[in-house]
N, C-alpha and C. Protein backbone atom coordinates (compact mmCIF):
# COMPACT_ATOMS: atom_id res chain seq x y z
N MET A 1 19.31 10.54 4.63
CA MET A 1 18.18 10.59 5.56
C MET A 1 16.94 10.06 4.83
N ASP A 2 16.27 9.09 5.45
CA ASP A 2 15.08 8.54 4.80
C ASP A 2 13.83 9.36 5.17
N MET A 3 12.71 8.99 4.56
CA MET A 3 11.48 9.78 4.74
C MET A 3 11.03 9.84 6.19
N PHE A 4 11.27 8.77 6.95
CA PHE A 4 10.83 8.74 8.34
C PHE A 4 11.74 9.60 9.22
N GLU A 5 13.03 9.60 8.92
CA GLU A 5 13.95 10.48 9.65
C GLU A 5 13.60 11.95 9.37
N GLU A 6 13.28 12.25 8.12
CA GLU A 6 12.86 13.62 7.78
C GLU A 6 11.63 14.02 8.57
N ALA A 7 10.66 13.10 8.64
CA ALA A 7 9.42 13.39 9.36
C ALA A 7 9.69 13.61 10.85
N ARG A 8 10.53 12.75 11.43
CA ARG A 8 10.87 12.92 12.85
C ARG A 8 11.60 14.24 13.09
N SER A 9 12.55 14.56 12.21
CA SER A 9 13.29 15.82 12.35
C SER A 9 12.35 17.02 12.26
N LEU A 10 11.43 16.95 11.33
CA LEU A 10 10.46 18.02 11.16
C LEU A 10 9.60 18.18 12.41
N ALA A 11 9.12 17.05 12.94
CA ALA A 11 8.29 17.09 14.14
C ALA A 11 9.06 17.67 15.33
N VAL A 12 10.33 17.27 15.48
CA VAL A 12 11.15 17.78 16.59
C VAL A 12 11.38 19.28 16.43
N MET A 13 11.71 19.73 15.22
CA MET A 13 11.92 21.16 14.97
C MET A 13 10.66 21.95 15.30
N MET A 14 9.51 21.46 14.87
CA MET A 14 8.26 22.17 15.12
C MET A 14 7.98 22.26 16.62
N LYS A 15 8.26 21.16 17.32
CA LYS A 15 8.00 21.16 18.76
C LYS A 15 8.97 22.10 19.49
N MET A 16 10.24 22.05 19.12
CA MET A 16 11.25 22.88 19.78
C MET A 16 10.97 24.37 19.59
N ARG A 17 10.46 24.71 18.42
CA ARG A 17 10.22 26.13 18.12
C ARG A 17 8.75 26.52 18.25
N SER A 18 7.93 25.57 18.68
CA SER A 18 6.49 25.80 18.82
C SER A 18 5.89 26.35 17.52
N LEU A 19 6.19 25.66 16.42
CA LEU A 19 5.71 26.11 15.12
C LEU A 19 4.46 25.35 14.68
N SER A 20 3.59 26.05 14.00
CA SER A 20 2.45 25.39 13.35
C SER A 20 2.97 24.79 12.05
N GLN A 21 2.15 23.97 11.40
CA GLN A 21 2.54 23.41 10.11
C GLN A 21 2.78 24.53 9.09
N GLY A 22 1.92 25.52 9.10
CA GLY A 22 2.06 26.64 8.18
C GLY A 22 3.35 27.41 8.41
N GLU A 23 3.69 27.65 9.67
CA GLU A 23 4.93 28.37 10.00
C GLU A 23 6.16 27.56 9.60
N ALA A 24 6.12 26.25 9.86
CA ALA A 24 7.24 25.38 9.48
C ALA A 24 7.40 25.36 7.96
N ALA A 25 6.28 25.29 7.26
CA ALA A 25 6.32 25.28 5.80
C ALA A 25 6.96 26.55 5.26
N LYS A 26 6.56 27.69 5.81
CA LYS A 26 7.10 28.98 5.37
C LYS A 26 8.60 29.04 5.65
N MET A 27 8.99 28.57 6.82
CA MET A 27 10.40 28.60 7.21
C MET A 27 11.25 27.72 6.28
N LEU A 28 10.68 26.58 5.85
CA LEU A 28 11.42 25.65 5.00
C LEU A 28 11.24 25.92 3.51
N GLY A 29 10.32 26.82 3.18
CA GLY A 29 10.08 27.13 1.78
C GLY A 29 9.33 26.02 1.05
N VAL A 30 8.44 25.35 1.78
CA VAL A 30 7.62 24.29 1.19
C VAL A 30 6.14 24.58 1.49
N SER A 31 5.27 23.79 0.93
CA SER A 31 3.84 24.00 1.18
C SER A 31 3.43 23.38 2.52
N GLN A 32 2.32 23.86 3.03
CA GLN A 32 1.79 23.31 4.29
C GLN A 32 1.39 21.85 4.08
N SER A 33 0.88 21.50 2.90
CA SER A 33 0.50 20.10 2.65
C SER A 33 1.72 19.19 2.63
N TYR A 34 2.87 19.70 2.18
CA TYR A 34 4.12 18.94 2.22
C TYR A 34 4.43 18.58 3.67
N VAL A 35 4.35 19.57 4.55
CA VAL A 35 4.62 19.35 5.97
C VAL A 35 3.61 18.36 6.55
N ALA A 36 2.35 18.55 6.25
CA ALA A 36 1.31 17.65 6.78
C ALA A 36 1.54 16.22 6.31
N ASN A 37 1.87 16.04 5.03
CA ASN A 37 2.10 14.69 4.51
C ASN A 37 3.32 14.04 5.15
N LYS A 38 4.37 14.82 5.38
CA LYS A 38 5.56 14.27 6.07
C LYS A 38 5.19 13.80 7.47
N LEU A 39 4.45 14.63 8.20
CA LEU A 39 4.10 14.30 9.57
C LEU A 39 3.16 13.08 9.64
N ARG A 40 2.32 12.92 8.63
CA ARG A 40 1.41 11.76 8.60
C ARG A 40 2.19 10.44 8.60
N LEU A 41 3.39 10.45 8.04
CA LEU A 41 4.20 9.23 7.99
C LEU A 41 4.49 8.67 9.38
N LEU A 42 4.49 9.55 10.37
CA LEU A 42 4.78 9.12 11.74
C LEU A 42 3.65 8.30 12.35
N LYS A 43 2.51 8.23 11.67
CA LYS A 43 1.39 7.40 12.13
C LYS A 43 1.64 5.92 11.86
N LEU A 44 2.57 5.62 10.98
CA LEU A 44 2.91 4.22 10.69
C LEU A 44 3.72 3.65 11.85
N ASP A 45 3.47 2.38 12.20
CA ASP A 45 4.21 1.79 13.32
C ASP A 45 5.61 1.36 12.89
N GLU A 46 6.40 0.94 13.86
CA GLU A 46 7.81 0.60 13.59
C GLU A 46 7.94 -0.55 12.60
N TYR A 47 7.08 -1.56 12.70
CA TYR A 47 7.11 -2.68 11.74
C TYR A 47 6.90 -2.15 10.32
N GLU A 48 5.91 -1.29 10.17
CA GLU A 48 5.59 -0.75 8.84
C GLU A 48 6.74 0.10 8.31
N ARG A 49 7.31 0.92 9.17
CA ARG A 49 8.43 1.78 8.74
C ARG A 49 9.62 0.93 8.30
N GLU A 50 9.93 -0.10 9.08
CA GLU A 50 11.07 -0.97 8.76
C GLU A 50 10.83 -1.70 7.44
N LYS A 51 9.64 -2.22 7.26
CA LYS A 51 9.33 -2.98 6.03
C LYS A 51 9.36 -2.05 4.81
N ILE A 52 8.82 -0.88 4.95
CA ILE A 52 8.82 0.10 3.85
C ILE A 52 10.26 0.45 3.48
N THR A 53 11.09 0.69 4.48
CA THR A 53 12.48 1.05 4.25
C THR A 53 13.26 -0.12 3.65
N SER A 54 13.11 -1.31 4.22
CA SER A 54 13.89 -2.46 3.75
C SER A 54 13.49 -2.91 2.35
N HIS A 55 12.26 -2.62 1.95
CA HIS A 55 11.82 -2.99 0.60
C HIS A 55 11.92 -1.82 -0.38
N HIS A 56 12.54 -0.74 0.06
CA HIS A 56 12.79 0.43 -0.79
C HIS A 56 11.50 0.99 -1.42
N LEU A 57 10.43 0.99 -0.60
CA LEU A 57 9.18 1.57 -1.08
C LEU A 57 9.26 3.10 -0.98
N THR A 58 8.43 3.75 -1.73
CA THR A 58 8.47 5.22 -1.77
C THR A 58 7.53 5.82 -0.73
N GLU A 59 7.66 7.13 -0.59
CA GLU A 59 6.77 7.85 0.31
C GLU A 59 5.32 7.73 -0.15
N ARG A 60 5.10 7.67 -1.44
CA ARG A 60 3.72 7.51 -1.95
C ARG A 60 3.16 6.14 -1.58
N HIS A 61 3.99 5.10 -1.57
CA HIS A 61 3.54 3.79 -1.09
C HIS A 61 3.08 3.93 0.37
N ALA A 62 3.92 4.58 1.17
CA ALA A 62 3.63 4.74 2.60
C ALA A 62 2.34 5.53 2.82
N ARG A 63 2.17 6.62 2.07
CA ARG A 63 0.96 7.43 2.24
C ARG A 63 -0.28 6.66 1.81
N ALA A 64 -0.15 5.79 0.81
CA ALA A 64 -1.30 4.97 0.38
C ALA A 64 -1.77 4.09 1.54
N LEU A 65 -0.83 3.53 2.28
CA LEU A 65 -1.18 2.67 3.41
C LEU A 65 -1.95 3.41 4.49
N LEU A 66 -1.68 4.71 4.62
CA LEU A 66 -2.33 5.49 5.67
C LEU A 66 -3.84 5.61 5.48
N ARG A 67 -4.33 5.28 4.30
CA ARG A 67 -5.79 5.30 4.09
C ARG A 67 -6.47 4.16 4.85
N LEU A 68 -5.72 3.13 5.21
CA LEU A 68 -6.28 1.99 5.94
C LEU A 68 -6.26 2.30 7.42
N ARG A 69 -7.40 2.14 8.07
CA ARG A 69 -7.53 2.55 9.46
C ARG A 69 -6.91 1.56 10.45
N SER A 70 -7.04 0.27 10.20
CA SER A 70 -6.55 -0.69 11.19
C SER A 70 -5.12 -1.13 10.88
N THR A 71 -4.40 -1.41 11.95
CA THR A 71 -3.03 -1.91 11.82
C THR A 71 -3.03 -3.23 11.05
N GLU A 72 -3.99 -4.08 11.35
CA GLU A 72 -4.08 -5.38 10.67
C GLU A 72 -4.23 -5.20 9.16
N ASP A 73 -5.10 -4.29 8.74
CA ASP A 73 -5.28 -4.04 7.31
C ASP A 73 -4.02 -3.46 6.68
N ARG A 74 -3.36 -2.54 7.40
CA ARG A 74 -2.11 -1.96 6.87
C ARG A 74 -1.04 -3.02 6.71
N HIS A 75 -0.91 -3.90 7.71
CA HIS A 75 0.11 -4.96 7.64
C HIS A 75 -0.21 -5.92 6.49
N THR A 76 -1.48 -6.28 6.34
CA THR A 76 -1.88 -7.18 5.24
C THR A 76 -1.53 -6.55 3.89
N ALA A 77 -1.91 -5.30 3.72
CA ALA A 77 -1.64 -4.61 2.45
C ALA A 77 -0.14 -4.47 2.23
N LEU A 78 0.59 -4.08 3.25
CA LEU A 78 2.03 -3.88 3.12
C LEU A 78 2.72 -5.18 2.72
N ASN A 79 2.32 -6.28 3.33
CA ASN A 79 2.92 -7.57 2.98
C ASN A 79 2.65 -7.91 1.51
N LYS A 80 1.45 -7.65 1.05
CA LYS A 80 1.11 -7.92 -0.36
C LYS A 80 1.91 -7.02 -1.30
N ILE A 81 2.03 -5.76 -0.93
CA ILE A 81 2.78 -4.81 -1.75
C ILE A 81 4.24 -5.27 -1.88
N CYS A 82 4.81 -5.71 -0.78
CA CYS A 82 6.22 -6.16 -0.80
C CYS A 82 6.37 -7.48 -1.54
N GLU A 83 5.50 -8.44 -1.25
CA GLU A 83 5.57 -9.75 -1.90
C GLU A 83 5.47 -9.64 -3.42
N ARG A 84 4.61 -8.76 -3.88
CA ARG A 84 4.33 -8.65 -5.31
C ARG A 84 5.14 -7.55 -5.99
N GLY A 85 5.92 -6.81 -5.23
CA GLY A 85 6.72 -5.73 -5.80
C GLY A 85 5.85 -4.71 -6.51
N MET A 86 4.77 -4.33 -5.87
CA MET A 86 3.78 -3.44 -6.51
C MET A 86 4.32 -2.04 -6.74
N THR A 87 3.90 -1.46 -7.85
CA THR A 87 4.17 -0.05 -8.12
C THR A 87 3.27 0.78 -7.21
N VAL A 88 3.49 2.09 -7.20
CA VAL A 88 2.64 2.99 -6.40
C VAL A 88 1.19 2.87 -6.86
N ALA A 89 0.98 2.88 -8.18
CA ALA A 89 -0.39 2.80 -8.71
C ALA A 89 -1.06 1.49 -8.29
N GLU A 90 -0.32 0.38 -8.33
CA GLU A 90 -0.90 -0.90 -7.91
C GLU A 90 -1.19 -0.90 -6.41
N ALA A 91 -0.29 -0.33 -5.63
CA ALA A 91 -0.50 -0.25 -4.17
C ALA A 91 -1.72 0.61 -3.86
N GLU A 92 -1.85 1.74 -4.54
CA GLU A 92 -3.02 2.60 -4.34
C GLU A 92 -4.29 1.87 -4.74
N GLY A 93 -4.22 1.08 -5.81
CA GLY A 93 -5.38 0.29 -6.23
C GLY A 93 -5.75 -0.75 -5.20
N LEU A 94 -4.75 -1.44 -4.66
CA LEU A 94 -5.01 -2.44 -3.62
C LEU A 94 -5.67 -1.80 -2.41
N VAL A 95 -5.13 -0.69 -1.96
CA VAL A 95 -5.70 0.02 -0.80
C VAL A 95 -7.12 0.49 -1.11
N GLY A 96 -7.31 1.02 -2.31
CA GLY A 96 -8.65 1.44 -2.72
C GLY A 96 -9.63 0.28 -2.69
N PHE A 97 -9.16 -0.87 -3.14
CA PHE A 97 -9.99 -2.09 -3.11
C PHE A 97 -10.33 -2.46 -1.67
N MET A 98 -9.35 -2.34 -0.78
CA MET A 98 -9.57 -2.72 0.62
C MET A 98 -10.51 -1.76 1.35
N VAL A 99 -10.49 -0.48 0.99
CA VAL A 99 -11.36 0.47 1.69
C VAL A 99 -12.73 0.58 1.03
N SER A 100 -12.91 -0.14 -0.05
CA SER A 100 -14.17 -0.08 -0.79
C SER A 100 -15.33 -0.54 0.07
N ASP A 101 -16.43 0.17 -0.03
CA ASP A 101 -17.65 -0.24 0.66
C ASP A 101 -18.43 -1.26 -0.15
N ASP A 102 -17.94 -1.58 -1.35
CA ASP A 102 -18.62 -2.55 -2.20
C ASP A 102 -18.47 -3.98 -1.69
N LEU A 103 -17.46 -4.23 -0.84
CA LEU A 103 -17.27 -5.57 -0.30
C LEU A 103 -18.27 -5.80 0.82
N PRO A 104 -18.81 -7.01 0.94
CA PRO A 104 -19.76 -7.29 2.03
C PRO A 104 -19.11 -7.07 3.39
N ASN A 105 -19.91 -6.76 4.39
CA ASN A 105 -19.38 -6.40 5.70
C ASN A 105 -19.44 -7.50 6.75
N GLU A 106 -19.77 -8.74 6.36
CA GLU A 106 -19.89 -9.80 7.37
C GLU A 106 -18.54 -10.17 7.98
N ILE A 107 -17.46 -10.02 7.23
CA ILE A 107 -16.14 -10.36 7.73
C ILE A 107 -15.24 -9.14 7.57
N GLY A 108 -14.12 -9.13 8.29
CA GLY A 108 -13.20 -8.00 8.23
C GLY A 108 -12.53 -7.86 6.87
N LYS A 109 -12.08 -6.66 6.58
CA LYS A 109 -11.45 -6.38 5.27
C LYS A 109 -10.21 -7.25 5.06
N ALA A 110 -9.38 -7.43 6.09
CA ALA A 110 -8.18 -8.25 5.93
C ALA A 110 -8.56 -9.69 5.61
N ASP A 111 -9.60 -10.20 6.26
CA ASP A 111 -10.05 -11.56 6.00
C ASP A 111 -10.61 -11.67 4.59
N LYS A 112 -11.33 -10.65 4.14
CA LYS A 112 -11.86 -10.65 2.77
C LYS A 112 -10.71 -10.72 1.77
N LEU A 113 -9.70 -9.92 2.00
CA LEU A 113 -8.56 -9.89 1.10
C LEU A 113 -7.85 -11.25 1.11
N SER A 114 -7.75 -11.87 2.27
CA SER A 114 -7.12 -13.17 2.38
C SER A 114 -7.90 -14.22 1.58
N ARG A 115 -9.21 -14.18 1.67
CA ARG A 115 -10.04 -15.12 0.92
C ARG A 115 -9.92 -14.89 -0.59
N ILE A 116 -9.90 -13.64 -0.98
CA ILE A 116 -9.75 -13.31 -2.40
C ILE A 116 -8.38 -13.78 -2.88
N ASP A 117 -7.35 -13.59 -2.06
CA ASP A 117 -6.01 -14.03 -2.42
C ASP A 117 -5.96 -15.55 -2.62
N ARG A 118 -6.63 -16.29 -1.75
CA ARG A 118 -6.66 -17.76 -1.91
C ARG A 118 -7.31 -18.13 -3.23
N PHE A 119 -8.37 -17.43 -3.61
CA PHE A 119 -9.03 -17.67 -4.89
C PHE A 119 -8.08 -17.38 -6.05
N VAL A 120 -7.38 -16.26 -5.96
CA VAL A 120 -6.43 -15.88 -7.02
C VAL A 120 -5.30 -16.90 -7.09
N GLU A 121 -4.84 -17.41 -5.95
CA GLU A 121 -3.80 -18.43 -5.93
C GLU A 121 -4.28 -19.71 -6.62
N ARG A 122 -5.55 -20.08 -6.40
CA ARG A 122 -6.10 -21.27 -7.07
C ARG A 122 -6.14 -21.07 -8.58
N LEU A 123 -6.50 -19.85 -8.99
CA LEU A 123 -6.47 -19.55 -10.43
C LEU A 123 -5.05 -19.67 -10.97
N SER A 124 -4.08 -19.18 -10.22
CA SER A 124 -2.68 -19.26 -10.62
C SER A 124 -2.24 -20.71 -10.77
N GLU A 125 -2.66 -21.54 -9.84
CA GLU A 125 -2.32 -22.96 -9.91
C GLU A 125 -2.92 -23.59 -11.17
N ALA A 126 -4.15 -23.22 -11.51
CA ALA A 126 -4.80 -23.75 -12.72
C ALA A 126 -4.04 -23.31 -13.97
N VAL A 127 -3.58 -22.06 -13.98
CA VAL A 127 -2.81 -21.56 -15.11
C VAL A 127 -1.49 -22.32 -15.22
N LYS A 128 -0.85 -22.65 -14.08
CA LYS A 128 0.40 -23.42 -14.09
C LYS A 128 0.16 -24.82 -14.64
N VAL A 129 -0.97 -25.42 -14.29
CA VAL A 129 -1.30 -26.75 -14.81
C VAL A 129 -1.43 -26.69 -16.34
N LEU A 130 -2.12 -25.67 -16.84
CA LEU A 130 -2.24 -25.51 -18.29
C LEU A 130 -0.86 -25.36 -18.93
N SER A 131 0.00 -24.57 -18.32
CA SER A 131 1.35 -24.37 -18.85
C SER A 131 2.14 -25.67 -18.85
N SER A 132 1.97 -26.47 -17.80
CA SER A 132 2.69 -27.75 -17.73
C SER A 132 2.22 -28.72 -18.81
N LEU A 133 1.03 -28.49 -19.35
CA LEU A 133 0.50 -29.32 -20.44
C LEU A 133 0.91 -28.78 -21.81
N GLY A 134 1.76 -27.75 -21.80
CA GLY A 134 2.24 -27.19 -23.06
C GLY A 134 1.35 -26.11 -23.64
N ILE A 135 0.40 -25.64 -22.86
CA ILE A 135 -0.51 -24.58 -23.32
C ILE A 135 0.04 -23.25 -22.84
N ASP A 136 0.15 -22.30 -23.77
CA ASP A 136 0.65 -20.97 -23.42
C ASP A 136 -0.45 -20.23 -22.64
N ALA A 137 -0.28 -20.15 -21.31
CA ALA A 137 -1.29 -19.51 -20.46
C ALA A 137 -0.58 -18.58 -19.48
N ARG A 138 -1.17 -17.39 -19.28
CA ARG A 138 -0.64 -16.38 -18.35
C ARG A 138 -1.79 -15.75 -17.59
N GLN A 139 -1.45 -15.25 -16.43
CA GLN A 139 -2.44 -14.58 -15.59
C GLN A 139 -1.89 -13.24 -15.13
N ALA A 140 -2.74 -12.24 -15.07
CA ALA A 140 -2.35 -10.92 -14.55
C ALA A 140 -3.43 -10.43 -13.59
N VAL A 141 -3.00 -9.83 -12.50
CA VAL A 141 -3.92 -9.26 -11.51
C VAL A 141 -3.57 -7.78 -11.39
N LYS A 142 -4.56 -6.92 -11.58
CA LYS A 142 -4.37 -5.48 -11.46
C LYS A 142 -5.47 -4.92 -10.55
N TYR A 143 -5.13 -3.86 -9.86
CA TYR A 143 -6.09 -3.18 -9.00
C TYR A 143 -6.37 -1.81 -9.60
N TYR A 144 -7.63 -1.49 -9.74
CA TYR A 144 -8.06 -0.19 -10.26
C TYR A 144 -9.11 0.37 -9.32
N GLY A 145 -8.71 1.34 -8.51
CA GLY A 145 -9.67 1.93 -7.57
C GLY A 145 -10.26 0.88 -6.66
N HIS A 146 -11.55 0.69 -6.75
CA HIS A 146 -12.24 -0.27 -5.88
C HIS A 146 -12.45 -1.61 -6.56
N LYS A 147 -11.70 -1.89 -7.63
CA LYS A 147 -11.90 -3.14 -8.38
C LYS A 147 -10.59 -3.88 -8.56
N MET A 148 -10.70 -5.19 -8.56
CA MET A 148 -9.59 -6.07 -8.89
C MET A 148 -9.95 -6.69 -10.24
N VAL A 149 -9.00 -6.66 -11.17
CA VAL A 149 -9.24 -7.24 -12.48
C VAL A 149 -8.25 -8.38 -12.67
N ILE A 150 -8.77 -9.58 -12.90
CA ILE A 150 -7.95 -10.75 -13.15
C ILE A 150 -8.11 -11.11 -14.62
N THR A 151 -6.98 -11.20 -15.31
CA THR A 151 -7.00 -11.53 -16.73
C THR A 151 -6.21 -12.80 -16.94
N ILE A 152 -6.79 -13.75 -17.64
CA ILE A 152 -6.10 -14.99 -17.98
C ILE A 152 -6.01 -15.05 -19.50
N HIS A 153 -4.77 -15.13 -20.02
CA HIS A 153 -4.53 -15.22 -21.44
C HIS A 153 -4.18 -16.67 -21.78
N ILE A 154 -4.90 -17.26 -22.72
CA ILE A 154 -4.61 -18.61 -23.18
C ILE A 154 -4.46 -18.56 -24.69
N ASN A 155 -3.27 -18.95 -25.15
CA ASN A 155 -3.02 -19.00 -26.58
C ASN A 155 -3.00 -20.45 -27.02
N GLU A 156 -3.59 -20.70 -28.16
CA GLU A 156 -3.62 -22.09 -28.67
C GLU A 156 -2.32 -22.46 -29.30
């Protein structure tokens, strides 16, 4: 049974028995926050659930996505997480970066992330050009809270 089936089963049990989260938690021998976190997973749409399951992401990956309010932002983040094979910490960093108020508000968060990604891709292309010239060059992108850190290593 995957995390979404567990959440659905929990929701059905609670409804059938008219249980509160606290009562369900006591009955199952878990904390109320455990129950609340399971039920929050049901806020993800079918596309998100399928992608999370098919890419073998964890419940913590899924909960990180729930911090994003819009479906568009969640889909953008989820696609990036899957494409890059991000760890939970990296996914949480990406989401933190997306919800940051430090980014200007003239354009939507998903569009901002798309523009930043294009910039990072151009940097990657430049690093590949250096490598093709026989120069040892590498690039790393990490997300820390509300910051993205891009590191380019060039060895002579």
